[in-house]
Amino acid sequence: MPLNILGTILLEGTDKVPGWDYAKKYGPLLLTAGLTKFYFGGSTNTWERDLHGKVYLVTGGTSGIGASLVRELANRGAQLVLLSSQLNEDGSGGAWITDYIDDLRNDTGNQLIYAEHCDLSSLYSIRKFATTWLDQSPPRRLDGILCLAAEAAPIGKVRESSIDGVERQMAINYLGHFHLLTLLEPSLKVQLADRDVRILLASCMSQSIGEIDLNDLLWDERKYPANQPWKVYGTSKLMLSMFAKEYQRRLDSFQRKDGEPNNTKINVVNPGLVRTPSMRRILSMGSIWGLLLYLILYPFWWFVLKSGEQGMQSFLFALNSPEFLKLHGGNYVKECSIVKKEQRSELNNKELQAALFDKTKKVVEILEKRSAIERNRLKKQNGDKSKKKEVKNKALSSNAQIPETDKLSLFKSAFKNQHDPALLSRLSQDQEEKKNERLRSLDRKLEASKKFTSQK
């Protein structure tokens, strides 16, 4: 068919081609739209790697870029452990995450997909997971950690805090991943020397507007910018990139017993602008009317924003490309390529990165101690309540002695709703019989009480 059209154009001219006027009028517009959409879709990863038998920990693997990446890795045979806050601490519950993993297993044919409880907004939850992971003997295989979870606050909303009292964007985006990776450091150091261990941290262009203040690390003292929440978000991403560089240097300085160099590489990935739940929350401003406007403008967002599959391409590049075997960690990846020039001076300041690392470590220690004190207080309070309840239950059991107050209330109950004594002389015959019956009931209760006391 295309050859016929081309032959007609060459031999008889364009006027003989049906619909040529429409093609001439709308063709350039459609071509321009297609090329623009292709441009916004970004680059595509071309590297492939056998992932069968490899084990990855994943945060944020149930939505957005994380869901797309997890599905791709599962299709390639990787063993995945999804860290989720939707499970109970004992591993029970979580009907949604259970169904999600079951569907993922069925769709990909990969049964090596699991979920573990780990709430990135809780330092205690992170420590519990890391302790469980490290306690396994022999040490579990670990080929990488994919840190994809992120919290983005919409404009105009008040400051939200984590369970540790930290602003949620800072708690999840930076502090939670910092705590997770530093706690898992022993696991990273014992991996076999020939194992290619890769850690990926999700960043974005907002790190260019971040503000670092070592005296107010987690935006506790500064006024929360409700009308510019992206400043806090950008700060958390900038600090995450600085942490990646410093943590890489500290891992490289570790002397393995086998004399081999460090085999863990930490890189930061910018996926671009993607239609994720976080992006939707930002664009809709966290309101119903904003969501309605987002839906109305969805064709535009579909046109200029990447899909989850397109957004994950740079992560696939950072996981698969052999290029990273020859490089030190701390690289910035964007559009399936390594960005050589840093956009922020803080990313070249080793002293500031080391100070940020040490300061964050001290902050985590303080927050964990404060959290432990609060948990112990609540535990003691709940224990006192349980003890009082237990004592009360024992008092009501058949083998317990009736307190004097209960005995008194027992006798008083016989006179409940009785007539005034002054009116007894004027009782009718029916009322007199009812009075006598109540007196006999009182006698029976008294005898029962005496019998109970004598048995003790």
Protein backbone atom coordinates (compact mmCIF):
# COMPACT_ATOMS: atom_id res chain seq x y z
CA MET A 1 0.00 0.00 0.00
CA PRO A 2 2.72 2.58 0.85
CA LEU A 3 4.54 1.66 -2.37
CA ASN A 4 1.39 2.29 -4.41
CA ILE A 5 0.93 5.70 -2.83
CA LEU A 6 4.59 6.54 -3.39
CA GLY A 7 4.34 5.41 -7.04
CA THR A 8 1.24 7.51 -7.62
CA ILE A 9 2.98 10.58 -6.17
CA LEU A 10 6.02 10.06 -8.40
CA LEU A 11 4.14 9.29 -11.60
CA GLU A 12 0.90 11.25 -11.36
CA GLY A 13 1.49 13.84 -8.66
CA THR A 14 0.00 14.38 -5.24
CA ASP A 15 -3.39 15.45 -6.56
CA LYS A 16 -4.19 11.85 -7.50
CA VAL A 17 -3.66 10.59 -3.92
CA PRO A 18 -7.00 10.28 -2.04
CA GLY A 19 -7.16 12.47 1.01
CA TRP A 20 -3.96 14.31 0.22
CA ASP A 21 -5.47 17.66 1.17
CA TYR A 22 -6.28 16.36 4.66
CA ALA A 23 -2.83 14.83 4.99
CA LYS A 24 -1.21 18.09 3.94
CA LYS A 25 -3.34 20.09 6.36
CA TYR A 26 -3.19 17.90 9.47
CA GLY A 27 -0.13 15.76 8.84
CA PRO A 28 2.48 18.27 10.12
CA LEU A 29 0.41 18.88 13.26
CA LEU A 30 0.11 15.16 14.02
CA LEU A 31 3.78 14.61 13.26
CA THR A 32 4.77 17.46 15.58
CA ALA A 33 2.52 16.11 18.34
CA GLY A 34 3.98 12.62 17.95
CA LEU A 35 7.56 13.84 18.08
CA THR A 36 6.79 16.02 21.12
CA LYS A 37 5.21 13.08 22.94
CA PHE A 38 8.21 10.96 22.06
CA TYR A 39 10.51 13.65 23.45
CA PHE A 40 8.62 13.90 26.75
CA GLY A 41 8.75 10.10 27.02
CA GLY A 42 12.48 10.29 27.60
CA SER A 43 15.22 7.79 26.87
CA THR A 44 14.84 4.01 26.87
CA ASN A 45 17.20 1.57 28.51
CA THR A 46 18.88 -0.81 26.07
CA TRP A 47 20.91 -2.90 28.53
CA GLU A 48 19.75 -6.31 29.69
CA ARG A 49 21.03 -8.42 32.56
CA ASP A 50 20.20 -11.85 33.92
CA LEU A 51 18.50 -11.26 37.28
CA HIS A 52 17.58 -14.84 38.16
CA GLY A 53 18.64 -15.58 41.74
CA LYS A 54 19.36 -11.95 42.59
CA VAL A 55 17.72 -10.48 45.70
CA TYR A 56 16.52 -6.88 45.96
CA LEU A 57 14.92 -4.91 48.77
CA VAL A 58 12.45 -2.33 47.46
CA THR A 59 10.77 0.63 49.13
CA GLY A 60 7.82 2.23 47.36
CA GLY A 61 7.29 -0.83 45.19
CA THR A 62 3.48 -0.80 45.16
CA SER A 63 2.68 2.32 43.15
CA GLY A 64 4.03 4.66 40.51
CA ILE A 65 7.54 4.01 39.22
CA GLY A 66 8.11 1.40 41.90
CA ALA A 67 5.19 -0.75 40.77
CA SER A 68 6.37 -0.66 37.15
CA LEU A 69 9.97 -1.45 38.09
CA VAL A 70 8.98 -4.27 40.42
CA ARG A 71 6.91 -5.89 37.69
CA GLU A 72 9.80 -5.64 35.23
CA LEU A 73 12.30 -7.13 37.70
CA ALA A 74 9.85 -9.91 38.57
CA ASN A 75 9.49 -10.75 34.87
CA ARG A 76 13.27 -11.06 34.71
CA GLY A 77 13.34 -13.57 37.57
CA ALA A 78 14.61 -11.43 40.46
CA GLN A 79 13.68 -12.24 44.04
CA LEU A 80 11.99 -9.18 45.54
CA VAL A 81 11.28 -8.16 49.13
CA LEU A 82 8.84 -5.24 49.20
CA LEU A 83 9.03 -3.11 52.33
CA SER A 84 5.54 -1.89 53.19
CA SER A 85 3.84 -0.05 56.02
CA GLN A 86 0.51 -1.72 55.19
CA LEU A 87 1.36 -4.95 56.98
CA ASN A 88 0.98 -5.34 60.72
CA GLU A 89 4.19 -5.58 62.72
CA ASP A 90 3.69 -9.33 63.21
CA GLY A 91 3.36 -9.81 59.44
CA SER A 92 -0.39 -10.42 59.57
CA GLY A 93 -3.17 -8.41 57.98
CA GLY A 94 -2.58 -6.25 54.97
CA ALA A 95 -5.30 -7.65 52.72
CA TRP A 96 -4.47 -5.22 49.94
CA ILE A 97 -0.72 -5.90 49.88
CA THR A 98 -1.44 -9.64 50.03
CA ASP A 99 -3.69 -9.43 46.98
CA TYR A 100 -1.15 -7.19 45.24
CA ILE A 101 1.65 -9.72 45.66
CA ASP A 102 -0.59 -12.64 44.69
CA ASP A 103 -1.57 -10.85 41.48
CA LEU A 104 2.07 -9.97 40.79
CA ARG A 105 3.14 -13.57 41.25
CA ASN A 106 0.40 -14.83 38.95
CA ASP A 107 1.03 -12.24 36.24
CA THR A 108 4.80 -12.69 36.16
CA GLY A 109 5.05 -16.38 37.02
CA ASN A 110 7.58 -15.42 39.71
CA GLN A 111 6.80 -16.82 43.16
CA LEU A 112 9.84 -15.21 44.80
CA ILE A 113 8.05 -11.98 45.72
CA TYR A 114 7.46 -11.18 49.36
CA ALA A 115 6.45 -8.30 51.63
CA GLU A 116 7.90 -7.26 54.98
CA HIS A 117 6.64 -4.69 57.44
CA CYS A 118 8.79 -1.56 57.42
CA ASP A 119 7.28 1.88 57.92
CA LEU A 120 9.78 4.49 56.72
CA SER A 121 8.07 7.16 58.83
CA SER A 122 9.00 5.21 62.01
CA LEU A 123 12.63 4.76 63.03
CA TYR A 124 11.60 1.97 65.39
CA SER A 125 9.86 0.07 62.59
CA ILE A 126 12.93 0.39 60.39
CA ARG A 127 15.20 -0.90 63.15
CA LYS A 128 12.93 -3.88 63.79
CA PHE A 129 13.04 -4.89 60.14
CA ALA A 130 16.81 -4.38 59.84
CA THR A 131 17.43 -6.37 63.03
CA THR A 132 15.33 -9.26 61.70
CA TRP A 133 17.21 -9.18 58.39
CA LEU A 134 20.64 -9.10 60.05
CA ASP A 135 19.80 -11.82 62.58
CA GLN A 136 19.49 -14.46 59.86
CA SER A 137 22.31 -16.96 59.72
CA PRO A 138 24.04 -17.43 57.39
CA PRO A 139 23.74 -13.82 56.16
CA ARG A 140 21.15 -13.42 53.43
CA ARG A 141 22.15 -12.70 49.89
CA LEU A 142 21.56 -9.08 48.88
CA ASP A 143 22.17 -7.78 45.36
CA GLY A 144 20.66 -4.35 45.76
CA ILE A 145 18.36 -1.93 47.56
CA LEU A 146 15.97 0.19 45.53
CA CYS A 147 14.85 3.24 47.50
CA LEU A 148 11.82 4.49 45.55
CA ALA A 149 9.42 5.55 48.31
CA ALA A 150 8.72 9.28 48.54
CA GLU A 151 6.31 11.65 50.24
CA ALA A 152 5.25 14.88 48.54
CA ALA A 153 3.05 17.40 50.34
CA PRO A 154 0.55 19.44 48.29
CA ILE A 155 0.49 23.20 48.42
CA GLY A 156 -1.50 24.92 51.17
CA LYS A 157 -1.51 21.99 53.60
CA VAL A 158 -0.34 22.28 57.18
CA ARG A 159 2.83 20.57 58.35
CA GLU A 160 2.41 16.84 58.85
CA SER A 161 4.68 14.94 61.23
CA SER A 162 5.81 11.35 61.45
CA ILE A 163 5.43 9.23 64.58
CA ASP A 164 8.86 10.51 65.67
CA GLY A 165 7.77 14.14 65.30
CA VAL A 166 9.69 14.75 62.07
CA GLU A 167 8.17 16.53 59.08
CA ARG A 168 6.87 13.68 56.88
CA GLN A 169 8.72 14.60 53.69
CA MET A 170 12.00 14.73 55.55
CA ALA A 171 11.14 11.62 57.57
CA ILE A 172 10.33 9.35 54.61
CA ASN A 173 12.41 10.77 51.77
CA TYR A 174 15.65 11.27 53.69
CA LEU A 175 15.73 10.15 57.31
CA GLY A 176 13.96 6.82 56.77
CA HIS A 177 16.24 5.78 53.90
CA PHE A 178 19.31 7.01 55.78
CA HIS A 179 18.37 4.86 58.76
CA LEU A 180 17.55 1.81 56.65
CA LEU A 181 20.78 1.85 54.65
CA THR A 182 23.09 2.55 57.58
CA LEU A 183 21.48 -0.22 59.64
CA LEU A 184 21.92 -2.68 56.76
CA GLU A 185 25.61 -1.79 56.42
CA PRO A 186 26.79 -5.09 57.99
CA SER A 187 24.77 -7.00 55.39
CA LEU A 188 26.37 -4.99 52.59
CA LYS A 189 29.88 -5.62 53.89
CA VAL A 190 29.56 -9.42 54.05
CA GLN A 191 28.35 -9.95 50.49
CA LEU A 192 30.64 -12.08 48.33
CA ALA A 193 33.39 -10.12 46.63
CA ASP A 194 32.25 -11.08 43.11
CA ARG A 195 28.70 -9.94 43.75
CA ASP A 196 27.61 -6.74 42.04
CA VAL A 197 25.61 -4.93 44.73
CA ARG A 198 23.80 -1.81 43.58
CA ILE A 199 21.85 0.70 45.67
CA LEU A 200 19.63 3.20 43.86
CA LEU A 201 18.15 6.33 45.44
CA ALA A 202 15.32 8.14 43.70
CA SER A 203 15.81 11.88 43.31
CA CYS A 204 14.30 14.61 41.13
CA MET A 205 14.99 18.03 39.71
CA SER A 206 13.59 19.67 42.86
CA GLN A 207 16.93 19.09 44.61
CA SER A 208 18.12 22.20 42.78
CA ILE A 209 15.99 24.35 45.14
CA GLY A 210 16.92 22.53 48.37
CA GLU A 211 18.25 24.46 51.37
CA ILE A 212 20.78 22.82 53.70
CA ASP A 213 20.97 24.07 57.29
CA LEU A 214 23.00 21.89 59.66
CA ASN A 215 21.58 23.80 62.65
CA ASP A 216 18.02 22.94 61.57
CA LEU A 217 18.56 19.70 59.71
CA LEU A 218 14.96 18.45 59.51
CA TRP A 219 13.15 21.79 59.17
CA ASP A 220 12.08 21.83 62.83
CA GLU A 221 12.95 25.41 63.71
CA ARG A 222 12.26 27.09 60.39
CA LYS A 223 8.70 28.04 59.56
CA TYR A 224 7.13 25.36 57.40
CA PRO A 225 6.53 26.80 53.90
CA ALA A 226 2.95 25.62 53.37
CA ASN A 227 2.68 27.58 50.13
CA GLN A 228 6.02 26.22 48.89
CA PRO A 229 6.25 22.65 50.20
CA TRP A 230 8.51 21.72 47.30
CA LYS A 231 11.32 23.49 49.15
CA VAL A 232 11.21 20.87 51.89
CA TYR A 233 10.82 18.11 49.33
CA GLY A 234 13.79 19.42 47.35
CA THR A 235 15.86 19.68 50.52
CA SER A 236 15.16 16.05 51.37
CA LYS A 237 16.28 14.97 47.89
CA LEU A 238 19.41 17.13 47.98
CA MET A 239 20.37 15.67 51.36
CA LEU A 240 19.75 12.18 50.00
CA SER A 241 22.19 12.82 47.15
CA MET A 242 24.79 14.17 49.57
CA PHE A 243 24.30 11.14 51.81
CA ALA A 244 24.85 8.81 48.83
CA LYS A 245 28.27 10.31 48.11
CA GLU A 246 29.45 10.26 51.73
CA TYR A 247 28.11 6.79 52.43
CA GLN A 248 29.87 5.50 49.31
CA ARG A 249 33.19 6.87 50.59
CA ARG A 250 32.69 5.22 53.97
CA LEU A 251 31.88 1.89 52.38
CA ASP A 252 34.94 2.19 50.14
CA SER A 253 37.16 2.81 53.18
CA PHE A 254 36.12 -0.49 54.78
CA GLN A 255 38.83 -3.17 54.71
CA ARG A 256 37.35 -6.55 53.82
CA LYS A 257 38.88 -9.64 55.40
CA ASP A 258 39.45 -11.16 51.97
CA GLY A 259 41.34 -8.06 50.85
CA GLU A 260 38.92 -7.39 48.00
CA PRO A 261 37.60 -3.85 47.31
CA ASN A 262 34.13 -2.75 48.26
CA ASN A 263 31.57 -4.14 45.82
CA THR A 264 28.60 -1.93 46.78
CA LYS A 265 27.83 1.02 44.50
CA ILE A 266 25.33 3.73 45.46
CA ASN A 267 23.88 5.88 42.67
CA VAL A 268 21.16 8.52 42.50
CA VAL A 269 18.53 8.36 39.75
CA ASN A 270 16.33 11.17 38.44
CA PRO A 271 13.42 9.57 36.53
CA GLY A 272 12.05 12.88 35.26
CA LEU A 273 8.44 14.05 35.50
CA VAL A 274 6.23 10.98 35.90
CA ARG A 275 2.49 10.46 36.43
CA THR A 276 2.86 9.00 39.93
CA PRO A 277 0.44 9.27 42.88
CA SER A 278 2.79 11.83 44.43
CA MET A 279 2.70 13.95 41.28
CA ARG A 280 -1.09 13.66 41.16
CA ARG A 281 -1.33 14.80 44.77
CA ILE A 282 0.86 17.81 44.03
CA LEU A 283 -1.04 18.82 40.89
CA SER A 284 -4.45 18.35 42.52
CA MET A 285 -3.27 20.26 45.63
CA GLY A 286 -4.72 17.51 47.79
CA SER A 287 -8.32 18.66 47.29
CA ILE A 288 -11.45 17.31 45.60
CA TRP A 289 -11.73 20.32 43.31
CA GLY A 290 -8.07 20.01 42.45
CA LEU A 291 -8.55 16.34 41.61
CA LEU A 292 -11.48 17.24 39.36
CA LEU A 293 -9.31 19.79 37.58
CA TYR A 294 -6.55 17.20 37.26
CA LEU A 295 -8.99 14.79 35.58
CA ILE A 296 -10.21 17.48 33.21
CA LEU A 297 -6.64 18.30 32.23
CA TYR A 298 -5.57 14.66 32.17
CA PRO A 299 -5.01 14.63 28.34
CA PHE A 300 -2.44 17.38 28.84
CA TRP A 301 -0.76 15.57 31.75
CA TRP A 302 -0.74 12.37 29.68
CA PHE A 303 1.00 14.27 26.93
CA VAL A 304 3.78 15.98 28.94
CA LEU A 305 4.35 13.51 31.82
CA LYS A 306 6.00 10.11 31.58
CA SER A 307 4.20 6.89 32.38
CA GLY A 308 5.52 4.59 35.09
CA GLU A 309 7.13 2.37 32.45
CA GLN A 310 8.92 5.34 30.91
CA GLY A 311 9.97 6.68 34.31
CA MET A 312 11.61 3.39 35.32
CA GLN A 313 13.97 3.30 32.32
CA SER A 314 16.77 5.19 34.07
CA PHE A 315 16.51 2.80 37.02
CA LEU A 316 16.83 -0.16 34.66
CA PHE A 317 19.87 1.51 33.12
CA ALA A 318 21.48 1.99 36.55
CA LEU A 319 20.75 -1.65 37.44
CA ASN A 320 21.82 -3.27 34.19
CA SER A 321 24.57 -1.19 32.61
CA PRO A 322 28.06 -2.74 33.01
CA GLU A 323 29.41 0.79 32.91
CA PHE A 324 28.93 1.14 36.66
CA LEU A 325 31.28 -1.77 37.40
CA LYS A 326 34.23 0.42 36.47
CA LEU A 327 32.99 3.56 38.25
CA HIS A 328 32.92 4.60 41.86
CA GLY A 329 29.48 5.15 43.35
CA GLY A 330 27.77 8.47 43.96
CA ASN A 331 26.84 9.04 40.31
CA TYR A 332 23.81 11.01 39.17
CA VAL A 333 21.77 9.21 36.49
CA LYS A 334 19.26 10.94 34.24
CA GLU A 335 17.70 9.87 30.94
CA CYS A 336 19.70 6.62 30.89
CA SER A 337 23.03 8.41 31.08
CA ILE A 338 25.44 9.57 33.76
CA VAL A 339 25.47 13.31 34.40
CA LYS A 340 29.07 14.40 34.79
CA LYS A 341 28.54 17.96 36.02
CA GLU A 342 26.94 18.48 39.41
CA GLN A 343 24.23 21.14 39.59
CA ARG A 344 24.76 22.03 43.25
CA SER A 345 28.00 23.00 44.96
CA GLU A 346 27.02 20.92 48.00
CA LEU A 347 27.43 17.77 45.88
CA ASN A 348 31.15 18.59 45.49
CA ASN A 349 31.70 19.60 49.13
CA LYS A 350 33.05 16.50 50.90
CA GLU A 351 33.39 18.26 54.27
CA LEU A 352 29.75 19.36 54.21
CA GLN A 353 28.62 15.87 53.19
CA ALA A 354 30.56 14.30 56.08
CA ALA A 355 29.12 16.86 58.51
CA LEU A 356 25.62 16.15 57.25
CA PHE A 357 26.14 12.41 57.69
CA ASP A 358 27.44 12.74 61.26
CA LYS A 359 24.76 15.25 62.20
CA THR A 360 22.00 13.02 60.85
CA LYS A 361 23.38 10.05 62.76
CA LYS A 362 23.24 12.01 66.02
CA VAL A 363 19.70 13.19 65.28
CA VAL A 364 18.60 9.60 64.66
CA GLU A 365 20.09 8.52 68.00
CA ILE A 366 18.26 11.28 69.84
CA LEU A 367 14.95 10.50 68.14
CA GLU A 368 15.29 6.77 68.82
CA LYS A 369 16.00 7.34 72.52
CA ARG A 370 13.03 9.68 72.80
CA SER A 371 10.83 7.18 71.00
CA ALA A 372 12.00 4.36 73.30
CA ILE A 373 11.17 6.39 76.41
CA GLU A 374 7.69 7.12 75.08
CA ARG A 375 7.07 3.47 74.20
CA ASN A 376 8.16 2.37 77.67
CA ARG A 377 5.87 4.95 79.25
CA LEU A 378 2.90 3.77 77.20
CA LYS A 379 3.80 0.15 77.89
CA LYS A 380 3.89 0.80 81.63
CA GLN A 381 0.63 2.71 81.46
CA ASN A 382 -1.07 -0.08 79.55
CA GLY A 383 0.44 -2.60 81.95
CA ASP A 384 -1.04 -0.77 84.97
CA LYS A 385 -4.45 -0.73 83.31
CA SER A 386 -4.20 -4.46 82.58
CA LYS A 387 -3.18 -5.15 86.17
CA LYS A 388 -6.15 -3.21 87.56
CA LYS A 389 -8.48 -5.05 85.22
CA GLU A 390 -7.02 -8.38 86.30
CA VAL A 391 -7.52 -7.54 89.98
CA LYS A 392 -11.10 -6.54 89.32
CA ASN A 393 -11.78 -9.77 87.45
CA LYS A 394 -10.35 -11.81 90.31
CA ALA A 395 -12.54 -9.95 92.77
CA LEU A 396 -15.60 -10.91 90.78
CA SER A 397 -14.63 -14.57 90.49
CA SER A 398 -16.29 -17.25 92.62
CA ASN A 399 -13.26 -17.75 94.84
CA ALA A 400 -12.82 -14.08 95.73
CA GLN A 401 -14.03 -12.46 98.92
CA ILE A 402 -16.88 -9.98 98.53
CA PRO A 403 -15.69 -6.50 99.58
CA GLU A 404 -17.58 -4.72 102.36
CA THR A 405 -18.88 -2.13 99.90
CA ASP A 406 -20.34 -4.92 97.74
CA LYS A 407 -21.94 -6.53 100.82
CA LEU A 408 -23.50 -3.21 101.75
CA SER A 409 -24.86 -2.72 98.24
CA LEU A 410 -26.26 -6.26 98.39
CA PHE A 411 -28.38 -5.46 101.44
CA LYS A 412 -29.36 -2.04 100.15
CA SER A 413 -30.73 -3.63 97.00
CA ALA A 414 -33.47 -5.28 99.08
CA PHE A 415 -34.83 -1.84 99.97
CA LYS A 416 -34.63 -0.39 96.48
CA ASN A 417 -37.79 1.47 95.46
CA GLN A 418 -39.36 0.87 98.94
CA HIS A 419 -42.08 3.04 100.51
CA ASP A 420 -41.29 5.46 103.28
CA PRO A 421 -41.41 3.67 106.73
CA ALA A 422 -43.97 6.16 107.94
CA LEU A 423 -46.43 4.84 105.38
CA LEU A 424 -46.12 1.14 106.32
CA SER A 425 -49.06 1.25 108.72
CA ARG A 426 -51.33 2.22 105.87
CA LEU A 427 -50.34 -0.62 103.52
CA SER A 428 -53.08 -2.68 101.93
CA GLN A 429 -53.23 -6.46 102.25
CA ASP A 430 -51.58 -6.96 98.82
CA GLN A 431 -48.84 -4.51 99.66
CA GLU A 432 -48.32 -6.26 103.02
CA GLU A 433 -47.82 -9.62 101.29
CA LYS A 434 -45.32 -8.10 98.85
CA LYS A 435 -43.44 -6.56 101.79
CA ASN A 436 -43.22 -9.90 103.56
CA GLU A 437 -41.97 -11.56 100.38
CA ARG A 438 -39.19 -8.97 100.07
CA LEU A 439 -38.23 -9.55 103.69
CA ARG A 440 -38.02 -13.30 103.09
CA SER A 441 -35.84 -12.59 100.02
CA LEU A 442 -33.58 -10.50 102.23
CA ASP A 443 -33.29 -13.36 104.70
CA ARG A 444 -32.25 -15.75 101.91
CA LYS A 445 -29.57 -13.33 100.69
CA LEU A 446 -28.28 -12.91 104.23
CA GLU A 447 -28.03 -16.69 104.71
CA ALA A 448 -26.21 -17.02 101.38
CA SER A 449 -23.73 -14.37 102.43
CA LYS A 450 -23.05 -16.10 105.75
CA LYS A 451 -22.57 -19.43 103.99
CA PHE A 452 -20.10 -17.87 101.54
CA THR A 453 -18.11 -16.29 104.41
CA SER A 454 -17.99 -19.56 106.35
CA GLN A 455 -16.63 -21.42 103.28
CA LYS A 456 -13.65 -19.03 103.15
